[in-house]
Amino acid sequence: LVQPGGSLRLSCVSSSRSFSIYMMAWYRQAPGKEREL
């Protein structure tokens, strides 16, 4: 939970030993909406 105007840092750890060759991304999905890049 963060107030409007605030900041957060998300992290994602991969189990892959070849992580460096993967394309990575963040998507989000709000209630009632489609997932978006």
PDB file of all heavy atoms in Angstrom:
ATOM      1  N   LEU A   1       0.846  -1.186   0.000  1.00  0.00           N
ATOM      2  CA  LEU A   1       0.000   0.000   0.000  1.00  0.00           C
ATOM      3  C   LEU A   1       0.884   1.240   0.000  1.00  0.00           C
ATOM      4  O   LEU A   1       1.806   1.343   0.821  1.00  0.00           O
ATOM      5  CB  LEU A   1      -0.896  -0.010   1.233  1.00  0.00           C
ATOM      6  CG  LEU A   1      -1.750   1.230   1.478  1.00  0.00           C
ATOM      7  CD1 LEU A   1      -2.771   1.412   0.367  1.00  0.00           C
ATOM      8  CD2 LEU A   1      -2.441   1.124   2.844  1.00  0.00           C
ATOM      9  N   VAL A   2       0.597   2.156  -0.882  1.00  0.00           N
ATOM     10  CA  VAL A   2       1.372   3.394  -0.971  1.00  0.00           C
ATOM     11  C   VAL A   2       0.412   4.546  -1.240  1.00  0.00           C
ATOM     12  O   VAL A   2      -0.618   4.360  -1.898  1.00  0.00           O
ATOM     13  CB  VAL A   2       2.458   3.291  -2.061  1.00  0.00           C
ATOM     14  CG1 VAL A   2       1.844   3.098  -3.440  1.00  0.00           C
ATOM     15  CG2 VAL A   2       3.398   4.480  -2.036  1.00  0.00           C
ATOM     16  N   GLN A   3       0.746   5.711  -0.745  1.00  0.00           N
ATOM     17  CA  GLN A   3      -0.090   6.883  -0.988  1.00  0.00           C
ATOM     18  C   GLN A   3       0.142   7.424  -2.392  1.00  0.00           C
ATOM     19  O   GLN A   3       1.219   7.234  -2.966  1.00  0.00           O
ATOM     20  CB  GLN A   3       0.227   7.969   0.044  1.00  0.00           C
ATOM     21  CG  GLN A   3      -0.191   7.613   1.452  1.00  0.00           C
ATOM     22  CD  GLN A   3      -0.047   8.783   2.407  1.00  0.00           C
ATOM     23  OE1 GLN A   3       0.613   9.777   2.111  1.00  0.00           O
ATOM     24  NE2 GLN A   3      -0.678   8.679   3.562  1.00  0.00           N
ATOM     25  N   PRO A   4      -0.847   8.118  -2.932  1.00  0.00           N
ATOM     26  CA  PRO A   4      -0.643   8.755  -4.247  1.00  0.00           C
ATOM     27  C   PRO A   4       0.596   9.646  -4.216  1.00  0.00           C
ATOM     28  O   PRO A   4       0.819  10.386  -3.249  1.00  0.00           O
ATOM     29  CB  PRO A   4      -1.920   9.573  -4.421  1.00  0.00           C
ATOM     30  CG  PRO A   4      -2.946   8.831  -3.629  1.00  0.00           C
ATOM     31  CD  PRO A   4      -2.216   8.299  -2.436  1.00  0.00           C
ATOM     32  N   GLY A   5       1.370   9.552  -5.277  1.00  0.00           N
ATOM     33  CA  GLY A   5       2.623  10.291  -5.350  1.00  0.00           C
ATOM     34  C   GLY A   5       3.811   9.562  -4.770  1.00  0.00           C
ATOM     35  O   GLY A   5       4.947  10.021  -4.902  1.00  0.00           O
ATOM     36  N   GLY A   6       3.558   8.441  -4.131  1.00  0.00           N
ATOM     37  CA  GLY A   6       4.623   7.673  -3.508  1.00  0.00           C
ATOM     38  C   GLY A   6       5.354   6.767  -4.482  1.00  0.00           C
ATOM     39  O   GLY A   6       5.068   6.753  -5.687  1.00  0.00           O
ATOM     40  N   SER A   7       6.295   6.002  -3.928  1.00  0.00           N
ATOM     41  CA  SER A   7       7.144   5.127  -4.741  1.00  0.00           C
ATOM     42  C   SER A   7       7.175   3.711  -4.181  1.00  0.00           C
ATOM     43  O   SER A   7       7.018   3.509  -2.974  1.00  0.00           O
ATOM     44  CB  SER A   7       8.581   5.667  -4.783  1.00  0.00           C
ATOM     45  OG  SER A   7       8.638   6.945  -5.365  1.00  0.00           O
ATOM     46  N   LEU A   8       7.392   2.780  -5.070  1.00  0.00           N
ATOM     47  CA  LEU A   8       7.618   1.379  -4.705  1.00  0.00           C
ATOM     48  C   LEU A   8       8.623   0.805  -5.684  1.00  0.00           C
ATOM     49  O   LEU A   8       8.701   1.241  -6.839  1.00  0.00           O
ATOM     50  CB  LEU A   8       6.332   0.549  -4.787  1.00  0.00           C
ATOM     51  CG  LEU A   8       5.305   0.643  -3.671  1.00  0.00           C
ATOM     52  CD1 LEU A   8       4.084  -0.181  -4.030  1.00  0.00           C
ATOM     53  CD2 LEU A   8       5.890   0.176  -2.351  1.00  0.00           C
ATOM     54  N   ARG A   9       9.368  -0.201  -5.230  1.00  0.00           N
ATOM     55  CA  ARG A   9      10.235  -0.951  -6.122  1.00  0.00           C
ATOM     56  C   ARG A   9       9.846  -2.415  -6.055  1.00  0.00           C
ATOM     57  O   ARG A   9       9.919  -3.037  -4.995  1.00  0.00           O
ATOM     58  CB  ARG A   9      11.712  -0.788  -5.784  1.00  0.00           C
ATOM     59  CG  ARG A   9      12.612  -1.419  -6.851  1.00  0.00           C
ATOM     60  CD  ARG A   9      14.083  -1.201  -6.604  1.00  0.00           C
ATOM     61  NE  ARG A   9      14.631  -2.133  -5.623  1.00  0.00           N
ATOM     62  CZ  ARG A   9      15.912  -2.500  -5.578  1.00  0.00           C
ATOM     63  NH1 ARG A   9      16.771  -2.004  -6.469  1.00  0.00           N
ATOM     64  NH2 ARG A   9      16.336  -3.325  -4.642  1.00  0.00           N
ATOM     65  N   LEU A  10       9.452  -2.944  -7.194  1.00  0.00           N
ATOM     66  CA  LEU A  10       9.125  -4.359  -7.295  1.00  0.00           C
ATOM     67  C   LEU A  10      10.358  -5.139  -7.733  1.00  0.00           C
ATOM     68  O   LEU A  10      11.173  -4.644  -8.509  1.00  0.00           O
ATOM     69  CB  LEU A  10       8.002  -4.583  -8.308  1.00  0.00           C
ATOM     70  CG  LEU A  10       6.710  -3.794  -8.097  1.00  0.00           C
ATOM     71  CD1 LEU A  10       5.688  -4.196  -9.147  1.00  0.00           C
ATOM     72  CD2 LEU A  10       6.175  -3.993  -6.693  1.00  0.00           C
ATOM     73  N   SER A  11      10.459  -6.358  -7.219  1.00  0.00           N
ATOM     74  CA  SER A  11      11.551  -7.253  -7.599  1.00  0.00           C
ATOM     75  C   SER A  11      10.966  -8.569  -8.078  1.00  0.00           C
ATOM     76  O   SER A  11       9.918  -9.011  -7.610  1.00  0.00           O
ATOM     77  CB  SER A  11      12.476  -7.521  -6.411  1.00  0.00           C
ATOM     78  OG  SER A  11      13.041  -6.340  -5.912  1.00  0.00           O
ATOM     79  N   CYS A  12      11.662  -9.193  -8.985  1.00  0.00           N
ATOM     80  CA  CYS A  12      11.256 -10.517  -9.494  1.00  0.00           C
ATOM     81  C   CYS A  12      12.515 -11.355  -9.650  1.00  0.00           C
ATOM     82  O   CYS A  12      13.416 -10.993 -10.425  1.00  0.00           O
ATOM     83  CB  CYS A  12      10.539 -10.382 -10.827  1.00  0.00           C
ATOM     84  SG  CYS A  12      10.242 -11.947 -11.679  1.00  0.00           S
ATOM     85  N   VAL A  13      12.564 -12.440  -8.902  1.00  0.00           N
ATOM     86  CA  VAL A  13      13.706 -13.344  -8.961  1.00  0.00           C
ATOM     87  C   VAL A  13      13.346 -14.556  -9.814  1.00  0.00           C
ATOM     88  O   VAL A  13      12.306 -15.180  -9.614  1.00  0.00           O
ATOM     89  CB  VAL A  13      14.127 -13.791  -7.555  1.00  0.00           C
ATOM     90  CG1 VAL A  13      15.318 -14.741  -7.641  1.00  0.00           C
ATOM     91  CG2 VAL A  13      14.479 -12.588  -6.691  1.00  0.00           C
ATOM     92  N   SER A  14      14.222 -14.869 -10.738  1.00  0.00           N
ATOM     93  CA  SER A  14      14.024 -16.016 -11.633  1.00  0.00           C
ATOM     94  C   SER A  14      14.859 -17.204 -11.177  1.00  0.00           C
ATOM     95  O   SER A  14      15.982 -17.035 -10.696  1.00  0.00           O
ATOM     96  CB  SER A  14      14.429 -15.636 -13.052  1.00  0.00           C
ATOM     97  OG  SER A  14      14.488 -16.774 -13.895  1.00  0.00           O
ATOM     98  N   SER A  15      14.303 -18.407 -11.358  1.00  0.00           N
ATOM     99  CA  SER A  15      15.031 -19.624 -10.993  1.00  0.00           C
ATOM    100  C   SER A  15      15.932 -20.109 -12.125  1.00  0.00           C
ATOM    101  O   SER A  15      16.675 -21.082 -11.951  1.00  0.00           O
ATOM    102  CB  SER A  15      14.042 -20.730 -10.616  1.00  0.00           C
ATOM    103  OG  SER A  15      13.268 -21.104 -11.751  1.00  0.00           O
ATOM    104  N   SER A  16      15.860 -19.457 -13.276  1.00  0.00           N
ATOM    105  CA  SER A  16      16.608 -19.924 -14.435  1.00  0.00           C
ATOM    106  C   SER A  16      18.111 -19.684 -14.278  1.00  0.00           C
ATOM    107  O   SER A  16      18.538 -18.622 -13.844  1.00  0.00           O
ATOM    108  CB  SER A  16      16.132 -19.212 -15.691  1.00  0.00           C
ATOM    109  OG  SER A  16      16.968 -19.535 -16.784  1.00  0.00           O
ATOM    110  N   ARG A  17      18.900 -20.683 -14.700  1.00  0.00           N
ATOM    111  CA  ARG A  17      20.358 -20.530 -14.689  1.00  0.00           C
ATOM    112  C   ARG A  17      20.831 -19.712 -15.888  1.00  0.00           C
ATOM    113  O   ARG A  17      22.000 -19.310 -15.945  1.00  0.00           O
ATOM    114  CB  ARG A  17      21.030 -21.895 -14.729  1.00  0.00           C
ATOM    115  CG  ARG A  17      20.801 -22.740 -13.493  1.00  0.00           C
ATOM    116  CD  ARG A  17      21.579 -24.038 -13.548  1.00  0.00           C
ATOM    117  NE  ARG A  17      21.420 -24.824 -12.335  1.00  0.00           N
ATOM    118  CZ  ARG A  17      22.024 -25.980 -12.131  1.00  0.00           C
ATOM    119  NH1 ARG A  17      22.826 -26.479 -13.045  1.00  0.00           N
ATOM    120  NH2 ARG A  17      21.828 -26.638 -11.003  1.00  0.00           N
ATOM    121  N   SER A  18      19.896 -19.489 -16.816  1.00  0.00           N
ATOM    122  CA  SER A  18      20.235 -18.735 -18.029  1.00  0.00           C
ATOM    123  C   SER A  18      19.494 -17.412 -18.057  1.00  0.00           C
ATOM    124  O   SER A  18      19.136 -16.908 -19.118  1.00  0.00           O
ATOM    125  CB  SER A  18      19.883 -19.547 -19.277  1.00  0.00           C
ATOM    126  OG  SER A  18      20.538 -20.795 -19.266  1.00  0.00           O
ATOM    127  N   PHE A  19      19.270 -16.851 -16.895  1.00  0.00           N
ATOM    128  CA  PHE A  19      18.455 -15.642 -16.764  1.00  0.00           C
ATOM    129  C   PHE A  19      18.900 -14.544 -17.720  1.00  0.00           C
ATOM    130  O   PHE A  19      18.078 -13.842 -18.286  1.00  0.00           O
ATOM    131  CB  PHE A  19      18.525 -15.140 -15.321  1.00  0.00           C
ATOM    132  CG  PHE A  19      17.874 -13.802 -15.111  1.00  0.00           C
ATOM    133  CD1 PHE A  19      16.496 -13.696 -14.993  1.00  0.00           C
ATOM    134  CD2 PHE A  19      18.642 -12.639 -15.009  1.00  0.00           C
ATOM    135  CE1 PHE A  19      15.883 -12.468 -14.795  1.00  0.00           C
ATOM    136  CE2 PHE A  19      18.041 -11.405 -14.805  1.00  0.00           C
ATOM    137  CZ  PHE A  19      16.660 -11.325 -14.693  1.00  0.00           C
ATOM    138  N   SER A  20      20.188 -14.405 -17.915  1.00  0.00           N
ATOM    139  CA  SER A  20      20.709 -13.271 -18.678  1.00  0.00           C
ATOM    140  C   SER A  20      20.242 -13.264 -20.129  1.00  0.00           C
ATOM    141  O   SER A  20      20.263 -12.205 -20.767  1.00  0.00           O
ATOM    142  CB  SER A  20      22.240 -13.253 -18.635  1.00  0.00           C
ATOM    143  OG  SER A  20      22.763 -14.400 -19.286  1.00  0.00           O
ATOM    144  N   ILE A  21      19.806 -14.386 -20.659  1.00  0.00           N
ATOM    145  CA  ILE A  21      19.392 -14.428 -22.059  1.00  0.00           C
ATOM    146  C   ILE A  21      17.885 -14.297 -22.236  1.00  0.00           C
ATOM    147  O   ILE A  21      17.378 -14.318 -23.357  1.00  0.00           O
ATOM    148  CB  ILE A  21      19.895 -15.700 -22.773  1.00  0.00           C
ATOM    149  CG1 ILE A  21      19.255 -16.955 -22.176  1.00  0.00           C
ATOM    150  CG2 ILE A  21      21.409 -15.784 -22.722  1.00  0.00           C
ATOM    151  CD1 ILE A  21      19.611 -18.222 -22.945  1.00  0.00           C
ATOM    152  N   TYR A  22      17.178 -14.148 -21.125  1.00  0.00           N
ATOM    153  CA  TYR A  22      15.734 -14.025 -21.191  1.00  0.00           C
ATOM    154  C   TYR A  22      15.314 -12.576 -21.392  1.00  0.00           C
ATOM    155  O   TYR A  22      15.920 -11.651 -20.841  1.00  0.00           O
ATOM    156  CB  TYR A  22      15.084 -14.514 -19.896  1.00  0.00           C
ATOM    157  CG  TYR A  22      14.908 -16.010 -19.823  1.00  0.00           C
ATOM    158  CD1 TYR A  22      16.007 -16.839 -19.625  1.00  0.00           C
ATOM    159  CD2 TYR A  22      13.656 -16.583 -19.938  1.00  0.00           C
ATOM    160  CE1 TYR A  22      15.856 -18.212 -19.549  1.00  0.00           C
ATOM    161  CE2 TYR A  22      13.483 -17.956 -19.852  1.00  0.00           C
ATOM    162  CZ  TYR A  22      14.589 -18.765 -19.657  1.00  0.00           C
ATOM    163  OH  TYR A  22      14.432 -20.127 -19.592  1.00  0.00           O
ATOM    164  N   MET A  23      14.252 -12.396 -22.131  1.00  0.00           N
ATOM    165  CA  MET A  23      13.547 -11.126 -22.166  1.00  0.00           C
ATOM    166  C   MET A  23      12.629 -11.100 -20.942  1.00  0.00           C
ATOM    167  O   MET A  23      11.941 -12.091 -20.672  1.00  0.00           O
ATOM    168  CB  MET A  23      12.725 -11.000 -23.459  1.00  0.00           C
ATOM    169  CG  MET A  23      11.993  -9.674 -23.612  1.00  0.00           C
ATOM    170  SD  MET A  23      10.380  -9.645 -22.794  1.00  0.00           S
ATOM    171  CE  MET A  23       9.829  -8.006 -23.253  1.00  0.00           C
ATOM    172  N   MET A  24      12.658 -10.006 -20.213  1.00  0.00           N
ATOM    173  CA  MET A  24      11.859  -9.878 -18.996  1.00  0.00           C
ATOM    174  C   MET A  24      10.924  -8.680 -19.102  1.00  0.00           C
ATOM    175  O   MET A  24      11.229  -7.696 -19.798  1.00  0.00           O
ATOM    176  CB  MET A  24      12.766  -9.702 -17.775  1.00  0.00           C
ATOM    177  CG  MET A  24      13.778 -10.812 -17.568  1.00  0.00           C
ATOM    178  SD  MET A  24      13.020 -12.413 -17.226  1.00  0.00           S
ATOM    179  CE  MET A  24      12.175 -12.079 -15.671  1.00  0.00           C
ATOM    180  N   ALA A  25       9.813  -8.755 -18.404  1.00  0.00           N
ATOM    181  CA  ALA A  25       8.859  -7.646 -18.461  1.00  0.00           C
ATOM    182  C   ALA A  25       7.984  -7.633 -17.214  1.00  0.00           C
ATOM    183  O   ALA A  25       7.933  -8.612 -16.453  1.00  0.00           O
ATOM    184  CB  ALA A  25       7.990  -7.763 -19.707  1.00  0.00           C
ATOM    185  N   TRP A  26       7.336  -6.508 -17.037  1.00  0.00           N
ATOM    186  CA  TRP A  26       6.313  -6.354 -16.008  1.00  0.00           C
ATOM    187  C   TRP A  26       4.995  -6.007 -16.701  1.00  0.00           C
ATOM    188  O   TRP A  26       4.947  -5.131 -17.570  1.00  0.00           O
ATOM    189  CB  TRP A  26       6.682  -5.238 -15.031  1.00  0.00           C
ATOM    190  CG  TRP A  26       7.804  -5.578 -14.114  1.00  0.00           C
ATOM    191  CD1 TRP A  26       9.132  -5.296 -14.274  1.00  0.00           C
ATOM    192  CD2 TRP A  26       7.690  -6.274 -12.869  1.00  0.00           C
ATOM    193  NE1 TRP A  26       9.853  -5.767 -13.216  1.00  0.00           N
ATOM    194  CE2 TRP A  26       8.995  -6.377 -12.330  1.00  0.00           C
ATOM    195  CE3 TRP A  26       6.637  -6.824 -12.141  1.00  0.00           C
ATOM    196  CZ2 TRP A  26       9.265  -6.994 -11.109  1.00  0.00           C
ATOM    197  CZ3 TRP A  26       6.902  -7.434 -10.936  1.00  0.00           C
ATOM    198  CH2 TRP A  26       8.195  -7.523 -10.418  1.00  0.00           C
ATOM    199  N   TYR A  27       3.950  -6.699 -16.268  1.00  0.00           N
ATOM    200  CA  TYR A  27       2.585  -6.425 -16.702  1.00  0.00           C
ATOM    201  C   TYR A  27       1.774  -6.069 -15.459  1.00  0.00           C
ATOM    202  O   TYR A  27       2.185  -6.356 -14.328  1.00  0.00           O
ATOM    203  CB  TYR A  27       1.964  -7.650 -17.367  1.00  0.00           C
ATOM    204  CG  TYR A  27       2.412  -7.917 -18.782  1.00  0.00           C
ATOM    205  CD1 TYR A  27       3.677  -8.429 -19.048  1.00  0.00           C
ATOM    206  CD2 TYR A  27       1.561  -7.673 -19.859  1.00  0.00           C
ATOM    207  CE1 TYR A  27       4.090  -8.678 -20.351  1.00  0.00           C
ATOM    208  CE2 TYR A  27       1.955  -7.933 -21.167  1.00  0.00           C
ATOM    209  CZ  TYR A  27       3.220  -8.440 -21.403  1.00  0.00           C
ATOM    210  OH  TYR A  27       3.619  -8.697 -22.687  1.00  0.00           O
ATOM    211  N   ARG A  28       0.611  -5.503 -15.678  1.00  0.00           N
ATOM    212  CA  ARG A  28      -0.301  -5.260 -14.559  1.00  0.00           C
ATOM    213  C   ARG A  28      -1.740  -5.490 -15.017  1.00  0.00           C
ATOM    214  O   ARG A  28      -2.064  -5.356 -16.195  1.00  0.00           O
ATOM    215  CB  ARG A  28      -0.140  -3.848 -14.003  1.00  0.00           C
ATOM    216  CG  ARG A  28      -0.557  -2.728 -14.952  1.00  0.00           C
ATOM    217  CD  ARG A  28      -0.198  -1.367 -14.371  1.00  0.00           C
ATOM    218  NE  ARG A  28      -0.540  -0.284 -15.279  1.00  0.00           N
ATOM    219  CZ  ARG A  28      -0.171   0.979 -15.096  1.00  0.00           C
ATOM    220  NH1 ARG A  28       0.565   1.325 -14.027  1.00  0.00           N
ATOM    221  NH2 ARG A  28      -0.524   1.913 -15.963  1.00  0.00           N
ATOM    222  N   GLN A  29      -2.554  -5.843 -14.046  1.00  0.00           N
ATOM    223  CA  GLN A  29      -3.962  -6.076 -14.320  1.00  0.00           C
ATOM    224  C   GLN A  29      -4.782  -5.475 -13.198  1.00  0.00           C
ATOM    225  O   GLN A  29      -4.694  -5.932 -12.045  1.00  0.00           O
ATOM    226  CB  GLN A  29      -4.270  -7.563 -14.479  1.00  0.00           C
ATOM    227  CG  GLN A  29      -5.682  -7.832 -14.938  1.00  0.00           C
ATOM    228  CD  GLN A  29      -5.884  -9.256 -15.397  1.00  0.00           C
ATOM    229  OE1 GLN A  29      -5.119 -10.161 -15.062  1.00  0.00           O
ATOM    230  NE2 GLN A  29      -6.912  -9.472 -16.201  1.00  0.00           N
ATOM    231  N   ALA A  30      -5.560  -4.466 -13.549  1.00  0.00           N
ATOM    232  CA  ALA A  30      -6.462  -3.825 -12.597  1.00  0.00           C
ATOM    233  C   ALA A  30      -7.793  -4.562 -12.611  1.00  0.00           C
ATOM    234  O   ALA A  30      -8.136  -5.227 -13.595  1.00  0.00           O
ATOM    235  CB  ALA A  30      -6.656  -2.361 -12.968  1.00  0.00           C
ATOM    236  N   PRO A  31      -8.567  -4.444 -11.543  1.00  0.00           N
ATOM    237  CA  PRO A  31      -9.869  -5.125 -11.485  1.00  0.00           C
ATOM    238  C   PRO A  31     -10.750  -4.745 -12.668  1.00  0.00           C
ATOM    239  O   PRO A  31     -10.928  -3.560 -12.973  1.00  0.00           O
ATOM    240  CB  PRO A  31     -10.465  -4.633 -10.163  1.00  0.00           C
ATOM    241  CG  PRO A  31      -9.284  -4.275  -9.333  1.00  0.00           C
ATOM    242  CD  PRO A  31      -8.266  -3.735 -10.282  1.00  0.00           C
ATOM    243  N   GLY A  32     -11.276  -5.756 -13.338  1.00  0.00           N
ATOM    244  CA  GLY A  32     -12.177  -5.514 -14.452  1.00  0.00           C
ATOM    245  C   GLY A  32     -11.514  -5.095 -15.738  1.00  0.00           C
ATOM    246  O   GLY A  32     -12.195  -4.770 -16.715  1.00  0.00           O
ATOM    247  N   LYS A  33     -10.184  -5.079 -15.757  1.00  0.00           N
ATOM    248  CA  LYS A  33      -9.460  -4.659 -16.958  1.00  0.00           C
ATOM    249  C   LYS A  33      -8.557  -5.772 -17.452  1.00  0.00           C
ATOM    250  O   LYS A  33      -8.244  -6.716 -16.734  1.00  0.00           O
ATOM    251  CB  LYS A  33      -8.644  -3.398 -16.660  1.00  0.00           C
ATOM    252  CG  LYS A  33      -9.490  -2.185 -16.330  1.00  0.00           C
ATOM    253  CD  LYS A  33      -8.640  -0.932 -16.269  1.00  0.00           C
ATOM    254  CE  LYS A  33      -9.501   0.305 -16.040  1.00  0.00           C
ATOM    255  NZ  LYS A  33      -8.685   1.545 -15.999  1.00  0.00           N
ATOM    256  N   GLU A  34      -8.113  -5.617 -18.702  1.00  0.00           N
ATOM    257  CA  GLU A  34      -7.206  -6.588 -19.285  1.00  0.00           C
ATOM    258  C   GLU A  34      -5.781  -6.354 -18.762  1.00  0.00           C
ATOM    259  O   GLU A  34      -5.417  -5.250 -18.376  1.00  0.00           O
ATOM    260  CB  GLU A  34      -7.226  -6.481 -20.811  1.00  0.00           C
ATOM    261  CG  GLU A  34      -8.540  -6.906 -21.442  1.00  0.00           C
ATOM    262  CD  GLU A  34      -8.472  -6.938 -22.953  1.00  0.00           C
ATOM    263  OE1 GLU A  34      -7.442  -6.537 -23.515  1.00  0.00           O
ATOM    264  OE2 GLU A  34      -9.461  -7.369 -23.566  1.00  0.00           O
ATOM    265  N   ARG A  35      -5.006  -7.420 -18.796  1.00  0.00           N
ATOM    266  CA  ARG A  35      -3.608  -7.310 -18.416  1.00  0.00           C
ATOM    267  C   ARG A  35      -2.880  -6.460 -19.470  1.00  0.00           C
ATOM    268  O   ARG A  35      -3.087  -6.636 -20.667  1.00  0.00           O
ATOM    269  CB  ARG A  35      -2.973  -8.699 -18.328  1.00  0.00           C
ATOM    270  CG  ARG A  35      -1.627  -8.727 -17.660  1.00  0.00           C
ATOM    271  CD  ARG A  35      -1.168 -10.160 -17.396  1.00  0.00           C
ATOM    272  NE  ARG A  35      -2.046 -10.857 -16.455  1.00  0.00           N
ATOM    273  CZ  ARG A  35      -1.746 -12.048 -15.929  1.00  0.00           C
ATOM    274  NH1 ARG A  35      -0.604 -12.650 -16.248  1.00  0.00           N
ATOM    275  NH2 ARG A  35      -2.588 -12.629 -15.103  1.00  0.00           N
ATOM    276  N   GLU A  36      -2.028  -5.555 -19.005  1.00  0.00           N
ATOM    277  CA  GLU A  36      -1.329  -4.675 -19.928  1.00  0.00           C
ATOM    278  C   GLU A  36       0.164  -4.644 -19.629  1.00  0.00           C
ATOM    279  O   GLU A  36       0.581  -4.778 -18.471  1.00  0.00           O
ATOM    280  CB  GLU A  36      -1.888  -3.243 -19.844  1.00  0.00           C
ATOM    281  CG  GLU A  36      -1.707  -2.570 -18.503  1.00  0.00           C
ATOM    282  CD  GLU A  36      -2.152  -1.111 -18.488  1.00  0.00           C
ATOM    283  OE1 GLU A  36      -2.529  -0.578 -19.546  1.00  0.00           O
ATOM    284  OE2 GLU A  36      -2.117  -0.497 -17.407  1.00  0.00           O
ATOM    285  N   LEU A  37       0.942  -4.444 -20.676  1.00  0.00           N
ATOM    286  CA  LEU A  37       2.386  -4.333 -20.538  1.00  0.00           C
ATOM    287  C   LEU A  37       2.747  -2.995 -19.899  1.00  0.00           C
ATOM    288  O   LEU A  37       2.273  -1.943 -20.335  1.00  0.00           O
ATOM    289  CB  LEU A  37       3.060  -4.454 -21.904  1.00  0.00           C
ATOM    290  CG  LEU A  37       4.566  -4.252 -21.935  1.00  0.00           C
ATOM    291  CD1 LEU A  37       5.285  -5.359 -21.187  1.00  0.00           C
ATOM    292  CD2 LEU A  37       5.057  -4.164 -23.375  1.00  0.00           C
TER     293      LEU A  37
END
